Amino acid sequence: TVLFSGLRYGLRARGYEALGAFVDKARSTSQALGLKDVQWVLGDFMAADLSDCTVAFLAWTTFPDYVRAAASRLVEGLAPGARVATLTHPLSSAGFELMDKERKRFSWGYATVHYYRKMS
């Protein structure tokens, strides 16, 4: 999603990954594609500063309940109008409007994508 945002729409994008090998591959792919506004951070998304985030994608299909709850609290700090998309599980935060949901095909099979807008 980070690569797609930069490649398709030319957006400034930042991805967080806990595995160094994945960050290395993502960085080399971004460079090969000429994506100068795509940044990859090796670290814990839960410690991220999302104050300038306008779109968040939470690929949390396999995350346990307590991690999804913590991530939901993290995105509550987004500015009004920000967008959040989640995979498989809905967002459990107040202050978000569910705009749409649809089943999409992914490399592992199908999952439901939930699209939200931050209200306040």
PDB file of N, CA and C in Angstrom:
ATOM      1  N   THR A   1       0.819  -1.190   0.000  1.00  0.00           N
ATOM      2  CA  THR A   1       0.000   0.000   0.000  1.00  0.00           C
ATOM      3  C   THR A   1       0.864   1.255   0.000  1.00  0.00           C
ATOM      4  N   VAL A   2       1.968   1.226   0.722  1.00  0.00           N
ATOM      5  CA  VAL A   2       2.874   2.374   0.741  1.00  0.00           C
ATOM      6  C   VAL A   2       3.471   2.584  -0.643  1.00  0.00           C
ATOM      7  N   LEU A   3       3.972   1.505  -1.242  1.00  0.00           N
ATOM      8  CA  LEU A   3       4.532   1.611  -2.593  1.00  0.00           C
ATOM      9  C   LEU A   3       3.470   2.066  -3.591  1.00  0.00           C
ATOM     10  N   PHE A   4       2.286   1.507  -3.487  1.00  0.00           N
ATOM     11  CA  PHE A   4       1.203   1.857  -4.402  1.00  0.00           C
ATOM     12  C   PHE A   4       0.841   3.340  -4.279  1.00  0.00           C
ATOM     13  N   SER A   5       0.779   3.839  -3.056  1.00  0.00           N
ATOM     14  CA  SER A   5       0.442   5.250  -2.839  1.00  0.00           C
ATOM     15  C   SER A   5       1.440   6.173  -3.523  1.00  0.00           C
ATOM     16  N   GLY A   6       2.708   5.818  -3.417  1.00  0.00           N
ATOM     17  CA  GLY A   6       3.737   6.629  -4.058  1.00  0.00           C
ATOM     18  C   GLY A   6       3.758   6.468  -5.563  1.00  0.00           C
ATOM     19  N   LEU A   7       3.635   5.236  -6.019  1.00  0.00           N
ATOM     20  CA  LEU A   7       3.730   4.947  -7.451  1.00  0.00           C
ATOM     21  C   LEU A   7       2.508   5.438  -8.224  1.00  0.00           C
ATOM     22  N   ARG A   8       1.339   5.121  -7.748  1.00  0.00           N
ATOM     23  CA  ARG A   8       0.105   5.433  -8.481  1.00  0.00           C
ATOM     24  C   ARG A   8      -0.311   6.893  -8.339  1.00  0.00           C
ATOM     25  N   TYR A   9      -0.179   7.415  -7.111  1.00  0.00           N
ATOM     26  CA  TYR A   9      -0.711   8.750  -6.837  1.00  0.00           C
ATOM     27  C   TYR A   9       0.353   9.802  -6.541  1.00  0.00           C
ATOM     28  N   GLY A  10       1.605   9.403  -6.453  1.00  0.00           N
ATOM     29  CA  GLY A  10       2.668  10.354  -6.163  1.00  0.00           C
ATOM     30  C   GLY A  10       2.590  10.934  -4.764  1.00  0.00           C
ATOM     31  N   LEU A  11       1.981  10.210  -3.845  1.00  0.00           N
ATOM     32  CA  LEU A  11       1.810  10.701  -2.483  1.00  0.00           C
ATOM     33  C   LEU A  11       3.060  10.497  -1.647  1.00  0.00           C
ATOM     34  N   ARG A  12       3.240  11.352  -0.682  1.00  0.00           N
ATOM     35  CA  ARG A  12       4.265  11.150   0.329  1.00  0.00           C
ATOM     36  C   ARG A  12       3.742  10.040   1.240  1.00  0.00           C
ATOM     37  N   ALA A  13       4.523   8.997   1.424  1.00  0.00           N
ATOM     38  CA  ALA A  13       4.065   7.847   2.193  1.00  0.00           C
ATOM     39  C   ALA A  13       5.178   7.348   3.107  1.00  0.00           C
ATOM     40  N   ARG A  14       4.746   6.786   4.251  1.00  0.00           N
ATOM     41  CA  ARG A  14       5.700   6.263   5.222  1.00  0.00           C
ATOM     42  C   ARG A  14       5.180   4.913   5.708  1.00  0.00           C
ATOM     43  N   GLY A  15       6.032   3.903   5.639  1.00  0.00           N
ATOM     44  CA  GLY A  15       5.664   2.569   6.099  1.00  0.00           C
ATOM     45  C   GLY A  15       6.510   2.154   7.289  1.00  0.00           C
ATOM     46  N   TYR A  16       5.902   1.444   8.211  1.00  0.00           N
ATOM     47  CA  TYR A  16       6.591   0.938   9.392  1.00  0.00           C
ATOM     48  C   TYR A  16       6.670  -0.578   9.305  1.00  0.00           C
ATOM     49  N   GLU A  17       7.840  -1.114   9.609  1.00  0.00           N
ATOM     50  CA  GLU A  17       8.047  -2.561   9.553  1.00  0.00           C
ATOM     51  C   GLU A  17       9.008  -2.954  10.658  1.00  0.00           C
ATOM     52  N   ALA A  18       8.710  -4.069  11.309  1.00  0.00           N
ATOM     53  CA  ALA A  18       9.530  -4.536  12.423  1.00  0.00           C
ATOM     54  C   ALA A  18      10.692  -5.425  11.980  1.00  0.00           C
ATOM     55  N   LEU A  19      10.658  -5.899  10.744  1.00  0.00           N
ATOM     56  CA  LEU A  19      11.705  -6.811  10.264  1.00  0.00           C
ATOM     57  C   LEU A  19      12.668  -6.092   9.324  1.00  0.00           C
ATOM     58  N   GLY A  20      13.926  -6.075   9.694  1.00  0.00           N
ATOM     59  CA  GLY A  20      14.947  -5.364   8.928  1.00  0.00           C
ATOM     60  C   GLY A  20      15.062  -5.802   7.482  1.00  0.00           C
ATOM     61  N   ALA A  21      14.963  -7.090   7.220  1.00  0.00           N
ATOM     62  CA  ALA A  21      15.073  -7.589   5.842  1.00  0.00           C
ATOM     63  C   ALA A  21      13.933  -7.042   4.976  1.00  0.00           C
ATOM     64  N   PHE A  22      12.748  -6.902   5.556  1.00  0.00           N
ATOM     65  CA  PHE A  22      11.608  -6.357   4.807  1.00  0.00           C
ATOM     66  C   PHE A  22      11.815  -4.871   4.505  1.00  0.00           C
ATOM     67  N   VAL A  23      12.373  -4.146   5.480  1.00  0.00           N
ATOM     68  CA  VAL A  23      12.657  -2.723   5.265  1.00  0.00           C
ATOM     69  C   VAL A  23      13.709  -2.559   4.171  1.00  0.00           C
ATOM     70  N   ASP A  24      14.754  -3.370   4.223  1.00  0.00           N
ATOM     71  CA  ASP A  24      15.800  -3.302   3.193  1.00  0.00           C
ATOM     72  C   ASP A  24      15.212  -3.535   1.807  1.00  0.00           C
ATOM     73  N   LYS A  25      14.376  -4.549   1.665  1.00  0.00           N
ATOM     74  CA  LYS A  25      13.758  -4.859   0.374  1.00  0.00           C
ATOM     75  C   LYS A  25      12.822  -3.728  -0.067  1.00  0.00           C
ATOM     76  N   ALA A  26      12.050  -3.201   0.847  1.00  0.00           N
ATOM     77  CA  ALA A  26      11.138  -2.107   0.524  1.00  0.00           C
ATOM     78  C   ALA A  26      11.902  -0.858   0.091  1.00  0.00           C
ATOM     79  N   ARG A  27      12.978  -0.559   0.780  1.00  0.00           N
ATOM     80  CA  ARG A  27      13.796   0.609   0.410  1.00  0.00           C
ATOM     81  C   ARG A  27      14.422   0.440  -0.961  1.00  0.00           C
ATOM     82  N   SER A  28      14.963  -0.748  -1.240  1.00  0.00           N
ATOM     83  CA  SER A  28      15.582  -0.961  -2.555  1.00  0.00           C
ATOM     84  C   SER A  28      14.531  -0.938  -3.665  1.00  0.00           C
ATOM     85  N   THR A  29      13.356  -1.447  -3.393  1.00  0.00           N
ATOM     86  CA  THR A  29      12.273  -1.405  -4.381  1.00  0.00           C
ATOM     87  C   THR A  29      11.837   0.030  -4.630  1.00  0.00           C
ATOM     88  N   SER A  30      11.686   0.807  -3.566  1.00  0.00           N
ATOM     89  CA  SER A  30      11.305   2.220  -3.702  1.00  0.00           C
ATOM     90  C   SER A  30      12.335   2.977  -4.529  1.00  0.00           C
ATOM     91  N   GLN A  31      13.609   2.719  -4.260  1.00  0.00           N
ATOM     92  CA  GLN A  31      14.678   3.388  -5.006  1.00  0.00           C
ATOM     93  C   GLN A  31      14.648   2.980  -6.478  1.00  0.00           C
ATOM     94  N   ALA A  32      14.463   1.686  -6.740  1.00  0.00           N
ATOM     95  CA  ALA A  32      14.420   1.197  -8.130  1.00  0.00           C
ATOM     96  C   ALA A  32      13.245   1.804  -8.900  1.00  0.00           C
ATOM     97  N   LEU A  33      12.156   2.093  -8.184  1.00  0.00           N
ATOM     98  CA  LEU A  33      10.973   2.692  -8.811  1.00  0.00           C
ATOM     99  C   LEU A  33      11.053   4.217  -8.875  1.00  0.00           C
ATOM    100  N   GLY A  34      12.109   4.789  -8.299  1.00  0.00           N
ATOM    101  CA  GLY A  34      12.277   6.237  -8.313  1.00  0.00           C
ATOM    102  C   GLY A  34      11.341   6.971  -7.377  1.00  0.00           C
ATOM    103  N   LEU A  35      10.914   6.325  -6.315  1.00  0.00           N
ATOM    104  CA  LEU A  35       9.973   6.932  -5.365  1.00  0.00           C
ATOM    105  C   LEU A  35      10.739   7.693  -4.294  1.00  0.00           C
ATOM    106  N   LYS A  36      10.838   8.987  -4.464  1.00  0.00           N
ATOM    107  CA  LYS A  36      11.620   9.816  -3.545  1.00  0.00           C
ATOM    108  C   LYS A  36      10.834  10.221  -2.294  1.00  0.00           C
ATOM    109  N   ASP A  37       9.513  10.195  -2.361  1.00  0.00           N
ATOM    110  CA  ASP A  37       8.687  10.601  -1.223  1.00  0.00           C
ATOM    111  C   ASP A  37       8.132   9.425  -0.432  1.00  0.00           C
ATOM    112  N   VAL A  38       8.739   8.262  -0.599  1.00  0.00           N
ATOM    113  CA  VAL A  38       8.348   7.077   0.162  1.00  0.00           C
ATOM    114  C   VAL A  38       9.436   6.774   1.173  1.00  0.00           C
ATOM    115  N   GLN A  39       9.046   6.691   2.432  1.00  0.00           N
ATOM    116  CA  GLN A  39       9.995   6.468   3.528  1.00  0.00           C
ATOM    117  C   GLN A  39       9.644   5.167   4.234  1.00  0.00           C
ATOM    118  N   TRP A  40      10.662   4.411   4.604  1.00  0.00           N
ATOM    119  CA  TRP A  40      10.474   3.158   5.338  1.00  0.00           C
ATOM    120  C   TRP A  40      11.169   3.269   6.687  1.00  0.00           C
ATOM    121  N   VAL A  41      10.446   2.957   7.744  1.00  0.00           N
ATOM    122  CA  VAL A  41      10.955   3.063   9.105  1.00  0.00           C
ATOM    123  C   VAL A  41      11.043   1.668   9.707  1.00  0.00           C
ATOM    124  N   LEU A  42      12.237   1.319  10.173  1.00  0.00           N
ATOM    125  CA  LEU A  42      12.415   0.069  10.899  1.00  0.00           C
ATOM    126  C   LEU A  42      12.025   0.347  12.338  1.00  0.00           C
ATOM    127  N   GLY A  43      10.941  -0.233  12.769  1.00  0.00           N
ATOM    128  CA  GLY A  43      10.497   0.015  14.130  1.00  0.00           C
ATOM    129  C   GLY A  43       9.060  -0.385  14.357  1.00  0.00           C
ATOM    130  N   ASP A  44       8.602  -0.073  15.536  1.00  0.00           N
ATOM    131  CA  ASP A  44       7.274  -0.442  15.996  1.00  0.00           C
ATOM    132  C   ASP A  44       6.264   0.634  15.609  1.00  0.00           C
ATOM    133  N   PHE A  45       5.298   0.277  14.809  1.00  0.00           N
ATOM    134  CA  PHE A  45       4.228   1.188  14.417  1.00  0.00           C
ATOM    135  C   PHE A  45       3.532   1.789  15.638  1.00  0.00           C
ATOM    136  N   MET A  46       3.448   1.029  16.702  1.00  0.00           N
ATOM    137  CA  MET A  46       2.735   1.497  17.890  1.00  0.00           C
ATOM    138  C   MET A  46       3.459   2.668  18.574  1.00  0.00           C
ATOM    139  N   ALA A  47       4.714   2.883  18.243  1.00  0.00           N
ATOM    140  CA  ALA A  47       5.471   4.005  18.806  1.00  0.00           C
ATOM    141  C   ALA A  47       5.582   5.158  17.809  1.00  0.00           C
ATOM    142  N   ALA A  48       4.873   5.054  16.695  1.00  0.00           N
ATOM    143  CA  ALA A  48       4.994   6.045  15.619  1.00  0.00           C
ATOM    144  C   ALA A  48       4.305   7.357  15.966  1.00  0.00           C
ATOM    145  N   ASP A  49       4.866   8.434  15.462  1.00  0.00           N
ATOM    146  CA  ASP A  49       4.235   9.753  15.535  1.00  0.00           C
ATOM    147  C   ASP A  49       3.383   9.904  14.278  1.00  0.00           C
ATOM    148  N   LEU A  50       2.078   9.855  14.439  1.00  0.00           N
ATOM    149  CA  LEU A  50       1.158   9.950  13.303  1.00  0.00           C
ATOM    150  C   LEU A  50       0.519  11.329  13.191  1.00  0.00           C
ATOM    151  N   SER A  51       1.127  12.329  13.802  1.00  0.00           N
ATOM    152  CA  SER A  51       0.516  13.657  13.832  1.00  0.00           C
ATOM    153  C   SER A  51       0.335  14.257  12.445  1.00  0.00           C
ATOM    154  N   ASP A  52       1.164  13.857  11.475  1.00  0.00           N
ATOM    155  CA  ASP A  52       1.021  14.396  10.119  1.00  0.00           C
ATOM    156  C   ASP A  52       0.368  13.394   9.161  1.00  0.00           C
ATOM    157  N   CYS A  53      -0.170  12.325   9.694  1.00  0.00           N
ATOM    158  CA  CYS A  53      -0.759  11.260   8.881  1.00  0.00           C
ATOM    159  C   CYS A  53      -2.162  11.646   8.412  1.00  0.00           C
ATOM    160  N   THR A  54      -2.414  11.480   7.134  1.00  0.00           N
ATOM    161  CA  THR A  54      -3.748  11.748   6.593  1.00  0.00           C
ATOM    162  C   THR A  54      -4.456  10.473   6.150  1.00  0.00           C
ATOM    163  N   VAL A  55      -3.695   9.410   5.904  1.00  0.00           N
ATOM    164  CA  VAL A  55      -4.257   8.109   5.538  1.00  0.00           C
ATOM    165  C   VAL A  55      -3.469   7.030   6.265  1.00  0.00           C
ATOM    166  N   ALA A  56      -4.177   6.124   6.944  1.00  0.00           N
ATOM    167  CA  ALA A  56      -3.528   5.007   7.629  1.00  0.00           C
ATOM    168  C   ALA A  56      -4.134   3.700   7.124  1.00  0.00           C
ATOM    169  N   PHE A  57      -3.280   2.727   6.886  1.00  0.00           N
ATOM    170  CA  PHE A  57      -3.713   1.403   6.451  1.00  0.00           C
ATOM    171  C   PHE A  57      -3.259   0.400   7.495  1.00  0.00           C
ATOM    172  N   LEU A  58      -4.210  -0.288   8.112  1.00  0.00           N
ATOM    173  CA  LEU A  58      -3.906  -1.246   9.162  1.00  0.00           C
ATOM    174  C   LEU A  58      -4.165  -2.659   8.649  1.00  0.00           C
ATOM    175  N   ALA A  59      -3.091  -3.322   8.240  1.00  0.00           N
ATOM    176  CA  ALA A  59      -3.176  -4.689   7.713  1.00  0.00           C
ATOM    177  C   ALA A  59      -3.090  -5.648   8.897  1.00  0.00           C
ATOM    178  N   TRP A  60      -4.143  -5.695   9.675  1.00  0.00           N
ATOM    179  CA  TRP A  60      -4.110  -6.400  10.952  1.00  0.00           C
ATOM    180  C   TRP A  60      -4.926  -7.689  10.967  1.00  0.00           C
ATOM    181  N   THR A  61      -5.017  -8.335   9.845  1.00  0.00           N
ATOM    182  CA  THR A  61      -5.797  -9.566   9.728  1.00  0.00           C
ATOM    183  C   THR A  61      -5.427 -10.593  10.795  1.00  0.00           C
ATOM    184  N   THR A  62      -4.151 -10.773  11.049  1.00  0.00           N
ATOM    185  CA  THR A  62      -3.709 -11.816  11.990  1.00  0.00           C
ATOM    186  C   THR A  62      -3.321 -11.271  13.362  1.00  0.00           C
ATOM    187  N   PHE A  63      -3.503  -9.983  13.589  1.00  0.00           N
ATOM    188  CA  PHE A  63      -3.118  -9.408  14.872  1.00  0.00           C
ATOM    189  C   PHE A  63      -4.119  -9.819  15.963  1.00  0.00           C
ATOM    190  N   PRO A  64      -3.636 -10.077  17.178  1.00  0.00           N
ATOM    191  CA  PRO A  64      -4.551 -10.409  18.274  1.00  0.00           C
ATOM    192  C   PRO A  64      -5.366  -9.183  18.702  1.00  0.00           C
ATOM    193  N   ASP A  65      -6.421  -9.435  19.438  1.00  0.00           N
ATOM    194  CA  ASP A  65      -7.340  -8.378  19.878  1.00  0.00           C
ATOM    195  C   ASP A  65      -6.622  -7.226  20.578  1.00  0.00           C
ATOM    196  N   TYR A  66      -5.682  -7.534  21.476  1.00  0.00           N
ATOM    197  CA  TYR A  66      -5.044  -6.476  22.255  1.00  0.00           C
ATOM    198  C   TYR A  66      -4.193  -5.561  21.373  1.00  0.00           C
ATOM    199  N   VAL A  67      -3.598  -6.094  20.297  1.00  0.00           N
ATOM    200  CA  VAL A  67      -2.820  -5.257  19.372  1.00  0.00           C
ATOM    201  C   VAL A  67      -3.757  -4.383  18.551  1.00  0.00           C
ATOM    202  N   ARG A  68      -4.872  -4.953  18.094  1.00  0.00           N
ATOM    203  CA  ARG A  68      -5.844  -4.148  17.341  1.00  0.00           C
ATOM    204  C   ARG A  68      -6.431  -3.048  18.214  1.00  0.00           C
ATOM    205  N   ALA A  69      -6.672  -3.329  19.471  1.00  0.00           N
ATOM    206  CA  ALA A  69      -7.199  -2.310  20.389  1.00  0.00           C
ATOM    207  C   ALA A  69      -6.179  -1.181  20.567  1.00  0.00           C
ATOM    208  N   ALA A  70      -4.912  -1.522  20.712  1.00  0.00           N
ATOM    209  CA  ALA A  70      -3.865  -0.501  20.869  1.00  0.00           C
ATOM    210  C   ALA A  70      -3.721   0.326  19.595  1.00  0.00           C
ATOM    211  N   ALA A  71      -3.775  -0.309  18.435  1.00  0.00           N
ATOM    212  CA  ALA A  71      -3.683   0.420  17.164  1.00  0.00           C
ATOM    213  C   ALA A  71      -4.889   1.328  16.980  1.00  0.00           C
ATOM    214  N   SER A  72      -6.059   0.876  17.416  1.00  0.00           N
ATOM    215  CA  SER A  72      -7.260   1.713  17.338  1.00  0.00           C
ATOM    216  C   SER A  72      -7.092   2.972  18.181  1.00  0.00           C
ATOM    217  N   ARG A  73      -6.514   2.813  19.369  1.00  0.00           N
ATOM    218  CA  ARG A  73      -6.259   3.990  20.222  1.00  0.00           C
ATOM    219  C   ARG A  73      -5.257   4.930  19.565  1.00  0.00           C
ATOM    220  N   LEU A  74      -4.258   4.382  18.891  1.00  0.00           N
ATOM    221  CA  LEU A  74      -3.243   5.200  18.230  1.00  0.00           C
ATOM    222  C   LEU A  74      -3.861   6.081  17.144  1.00  0.00           C
ATOM    223  N   VAL A  75      -4.730   5.523  16.308  1.00  0.00           N
ATOM    224  CA  VAL A  75      -5.307   6.317  15.221  1.00  0.00           C
ATOM    225  C   VAL A  75      -6.361   7.306  15.705  1.00  0.00           C
ATOM    226  N   GLU A  76      -6.802   7.178  16.950  1.00  0.00           N
ATOM    227  CA  GLU A  76      -7.725   8.171  17.501  1.00  0.00           C
ATOM    228  C   GLU A  76      -7.088   9.553  17.536  1.00  0.00           C
ATOM    229  N   GLY A  77      -5.757   9.623  17.505  1.00  0.00           N
ATOM    230  CA  GLY A  77      -5.042  10.896  17.518  1.00  0.00           C
ATOM    231  C   GLY A  77      -4.943  11.562  16.153  1.00  0.00           C
ATOM    232  N   LEU A  78      -5.463  10.933  15.116  1.00  0.00           N
ATOM    233  CA  LEU A  78      -5.418  11.540  13.780  1.00  0.00           C
ATOM    234  C   LEU A  78      -6.321  12.772  13.721  1.00  0.00           C
ATOM    235  N   ALA A  79      -5.998  13.654  12.800  1.00  0.00           N
ATOM    236  CA  ALA A  79      -6.781  14.883  12.635  1.00  0.00           C
ATOM    237  C   ALA A  79      -8.130  14.567  11.990  1.00  0.00           C
ATOM    238  N   PRO A  80      -9.144  15.388  12.278  1.00  0.00           N
ATOM    239  CA  PRO A  80     -10.431  15.208  11.605  1.00  0.00           C
ATOM    240  C   PRO A  80     -10.255  15.220  10.085  1.00  0.00           C
ATOM    241  N   GLY A  81     -10.969  14.315   9.419  1.00  0.00           N
ATOM    242  CA  GLY A  81     -10.869  14.196   7.973  1.00  0.00           C
ATOM    243  C   GLY A  81      -9.890  13.122   7.516  1.00  0.00           C
ATOM    244  N   ALA A  82      -9.017  12.672   8.417  1.00  0.00           N
ATOM    245  CA  ALA A  82      -8.067  11.610   8.064  1.00  0.00           C
ATOM    246  C   ALA A  82      -8.832  10.342   7.710  1.00  0.00           C
ATOM    247  N   ARG A  83      -8.227   9.513   6.902  1.00  0.00           N
ATOM    248  CA  ARG A  83      -8.844   8.252   6.469  1.00  0.00           C
ATOM    249  C   ARG A  83      -8.083   7.077   7.058  1.00  0.00           C
ATOM    250  N   VAL A  84      -8.812   6.011   7.379  1.00  0.00           N
ATOM    251  CA  VAL A  84      -8.221   4.782   7.879  1.00  0.00           C
ATOM    252  C   VAL A  84      -8.863   3.616   7.142  1.00  0.00           C
ATOM    253  N   ALA A  85      -8.036   2.699   6.679  1.00  0.00           N
ATOM    254  CA  ALA A  85      -8.522   1.448   6.095  1.00  0.00           C
ATOM    255  C   ALA A  85      -7.990   0.298   6.938  1.00  0.00           C
ATOM    256  N   THR A  86      -8.858  -0.662   7.232  1.00  0.00           N
ATOM    257  CA  THR A  86      -8.450  -1.837   8.003  1.00  0.00           C
ATOM    258  C   THR A  86      -8.781  -3.102   7.210  1.00  0.00           C
ATOM    259  N   LEU A  87      -7.987  -4.147   7.445  1.00  0.00           N
ATOM    260  CA  LEU A  87      -8.239  -5.438   6.802  1.00  0.00           C
ATOM    261  C   LEU A  87      -8.880  -6.399   7.789  1.00  0.00           C
ATOM    262  N   THR A  88      -9.915  -7.064   7.347  1.00  0.00           N
ATOM    263  CA  THR A  88     -10.621  -8.147   8.031  1.00  0.00           C
ATOM    264  C   THR A  88     -11.442  -7.676   9.218  1.00  0.00           C
ATOM    265  N   HIS A  89     -10.821  -6.993  10.167  1.00  0.00           N
ATOM    266  CA  HIS A  89     -11.504  -6.581  11.387  1.00  0.00           C
ATOM    267  C   HIS A  89     -11.848  -5.095  11.328  1.00  0.00           C
ATOM    268  N   PRO A  90     -13.017  -4.722  11.826  1.00  0.00           N
ATOM    269  CA  PRO A  90     -13.375  -3.301  11.837  1.00  0.00           C
ATOM    270  C   PRO A  90     -12.585  -2.528  12.895  1.00  0.00           C
ATOM    271  N   LEU A  91     -12.570  -1.226  12.739  1.00  0.00           N
ATOM    272  CA  LEU A  91     -11.939  -0.321  13.694  1.00  0.00           C
ATOM    273  C   LEU A  91     -12.817  -0.243  14.937  1.00  0.00           C
ATOM    274  N   SER A  92     -12.204  -0.250  16.109  1.00  0.00           N
ATOM    275  CA  SER A  92     -12.982  -0.203  17.352  1.00  0.00           C
ATOM    276  C   SER A  92     -12.816   1.129  18.069  1.00  0.00           C
ATOM    277  N   SER A  93     -12.706   2.203  17.315  1.00  0.00           N
ATOM    278  CA  SER A  93     -12.505   3.531  17.891  1.00  0.00           C
ATOM    279  C   SER A  93     -13.730   4.401  17.675  1.00  0.00           C
ATOM    280  N   ALA A  94     -14.019   5.191  18.664  1.00  0.00           N
ATOM    281  CA  ALA A  94     -15.085   6.183  18.521  1.00  0.00           C
ATOM    282  C   ALA A  94     -14.558   7.337  17.682  1.00  0.00           C
ATOM    283  N   GLY A  95     -15.446   8.075  17.077  1.00  0.00           N
ATOM    284  CA  GLY A  95     -15.033   9.239  16.323  1.00  0.00           C
ATOM    285  C   GLY A  95     -14.715   8.964  14.869  1.00  0.00           C
ATOM    286  N   PHE A  96     -14.992   7.758  14.399  1.00  0.00           N
ATOM    287  CA  PHE A  96     -14.779   7.402  13.000  1.00  0.00           C
ATOM    288  C   PHE A  96     -16.096   7.003  12.358  1.00  0.00           C
ATOM    289  N   GLU A  97     -16.282   7.417  11.138  1.00  0.00           N
ATOM    290  CA  GLU A  97     -17.460   7.035  10.361  1.00  0.00           C
ATOM    291  C   GLU A  97     -17.054   5.951   9.362  1.00  0.00           C
ATOM    292  N   LEU A  98     -17.781   4.838   9.356  1.00  0.00           N
ATOM    293  CA  LEU A  98     -17.552   3.805   8.350  1.00  0.00           C
ATOM    294  C   LEU A  98     -18.116   4.307   7.032  1.00  0.00           C
ATOM    295  N   MET A  99     -17.238   4.520   6.061  1.00  0.00           N
ATOM    296  CA  MET A  99     -17.655   5.047   4.759  1.00  0.00           C
ATOM    297  C   MET A  99     -18.057   3.938   3.801  1.00  0.00           C
ATOM    298  N   ASP A 100     -17.363   2.794   3.878  1.00  0.00           N
ATOM    299  CA  ASP A 100     -17.626   1.700   2.950  1.00  0.00           C
ATOM    300  C   ASP A 100     -16.878   0.469   3.446  1.00  0.00           C
ATOM    301  N   LYS A 101     -17.272  -0.676   2.945  1.00  0.00           N
ATOM    302  CA  LYS A 101     -16.502  -1.894   3.152  1.00  0.00           C
ATOM    303  C   LYS A 101     -16.736  -2.798   1.956  1.00  0.00           C
ATOM    304  N   GLU A 102     -15.689  -3.546   1.599  1.00  0.00           N
ATOM    305  CA  GLU A 102     -15.789  -4.428   0.441  1.00  0.00           C
ATOM    306  C   GLU A 102     -14.807  -5.579   0.586  1.00  0.00           C
ATOM    307  N   ARG A 103     -15.144  -6.705  -0.029  1.00  0.00           N
ATOM    308  CA  ARG A 103     -14.227  -7.848  -0.058  1.00  0.00           C
ATOM    309  C   ARG A 103     -13.285  -7.670  -1.231  1.00  0.00           C
ATOM    310  N   LYS A 104     -12.001  -7.843  -0.949  1.00  0.00           N
ATOM    311  CA  LYS A 104     -10.963  -7.695  -1.968  1.00  0.00           C
ATOM    312  C   LYS A 104     -10.063  -8.917  -1.953  1.00  0.00           C
ATOM    313  N   ARG A 105      -9.491  -9.186  -3.109  1.00  0.00           N
ATOM    314  CA  ARG A 105      -8.554 -10.304  -3.233  1.00  0.00           C
ATOM    315  C   ARG A 105      -7.142  -9.832  -2.881  1.00  0.00           C
ATOM    316  N   PHE A 106      -6.463 -10.611  -2.058  1.00  0.00           N
ATOM    317  CA  PHE A 106      -5.081 -10.366  -1.678  1.00  0.00           C
ATOM    318  C   PHE A 106      -4.262 -11.605  -2.033  1.00  0.00           C
ATOM    319  N   SER A 107      -2.976 -11.544  -1.848  1.00  0.00           N
ATOM    320  CA  SER A 107      -2.113 -12.663  -2.229  1.00  0.00           C
ATOM    321  C   SER A 107      -2.467 -13.946  -1.473  1.00  0.00           C
ATOM    322  N   TRP A 108      -3.031 -13.839  -0.278  1.00  0.00           N
ATOM    323  CA  TRP A 108      -3.370 -15.005   0.538  1.00  0.00           C
ATOM    324  C   TRP A 108      -4.832 -15.422   0.382  1.00  0.00           C
ATOM    325  N   GLY A 109      -5.635 -14.631  -0.299  1.00  0.00           N
ATOM    326  CA  GLY A 109      -7.068 -14.921  -0.434  1.00  0.00           C
ATOM    327  C   GLY A 109      -7.864 -13.642  -0.310  1.00  0.00           C
ATOM    328  N   TYR A 110      -9.095 -13.761   0.126  1.00  0.00           N
ATOM    329  CA  TYR A 110      -9.983 -12.597   0.236  1.00  0.00           C
ATOM    330  C   TYR A 110     -10.043 -12.074   1.660  1.00  0.00           C
ATOM    331  N   ALA A 111     -10.207 -10.762   1.766  1.00  0.00           N
ATOM    332  CA  ALA A 111     -10.388 -10.112   3.062  1.00  0.00           C
ATOM    333  C   ALA A 111     -11.316  -8.926   2.876  1.00  0.00           C
ATOM    334  N   THR A 112     -11.979  -8.546   3.938  1.00  0.00           N
ATOM    335  CA  THR A 112     -12.842  -7.372   3.915  1.00  0.00           C
ATOM    336  C   THR A 112     -12.011  -6.145   4.271  1.00  0.00           C
ATOM    337  N   VAL A 113     -12.140  -5.112   3.439  1.00  0.00           N
ATOM    338  CA  VAL A 113     -11.469  -3.840   3.703  1.00  0.00           C
ATOM    339  C   VAL A 113     -12.536  -2.868   4.206  1.00  0.00           C
ATOM    340  N   HIS A 114     -12.289  -2.272   5.373  1.00  0.00           N
ATOM    341  CA  HIS A 114     -13.194  -1.283   5.961  1.00  0.00           C
ATOM    342  C   HIS A 114     -12.570   0.090   5.766  1.00  0.00           C
ATOM    343  N   TYR A 115     -13.349   1.051   5.283  1.00  0.00           N
ATOM    344  CA  TYR A 115     -12.866   2.412   5.011  1.00  0.00           C
ATOM    345  C   TYR A 115     -13.549   3.389   5.970  1.00  0.00           C
ATOM    346  N   TYR A 116     -12.744   4.158   6.682  1.00  0.00           N
ATOM    347  CA  TYR A 116     -13.262   5.088   7.697  1.00  0.00           C
ATOM    348  C   TYR A 116     -12.785   6.517   7.435  1.00  0.00           C
ATOM    349  N   ARG A 117     -13.532   7.461   7.990  1.00  0.00           N
ATOM    350  CA  ARG A 117     -13.156   8.872   8.018  1.00  0.00           C
ATOM    351  C   ARG A 117     -13.215   9.349   9.455  1.00  0.00           C
ATOM    352  N   LYS A 118     -12.166  10.020   9.899  1.00  0.00           N
ATOM    353  CA  LYS A 118     -12.117  10.570  11.258  1.00  0.00           C
ATOM    354  C   LYS A 118     -13.058  11.753  11.349  1.00  0.00           C
ATOM    355  N   MET A 119     -13.977  11.708  12.279  1.00  0.00           N
ATOM    356  CA  MET A 119     -14.984  12.756  12.429  1.00  0.00           C
ATOM    357  C   MET A 119     -14.519  13.878  13.362  1.00  0.00           C
ATOM    358  N   SER A 120     -14.023  13.523  14.520  1.00  0.00           N
ATOM    359  CA  SER A 120     -13.615  14.563  15.479  1.00  0.00           C
ATOM    360  C   SER A 120     -12.504  14.073  16.360  1.00  0.00           C
TER     361      SER A 120
END
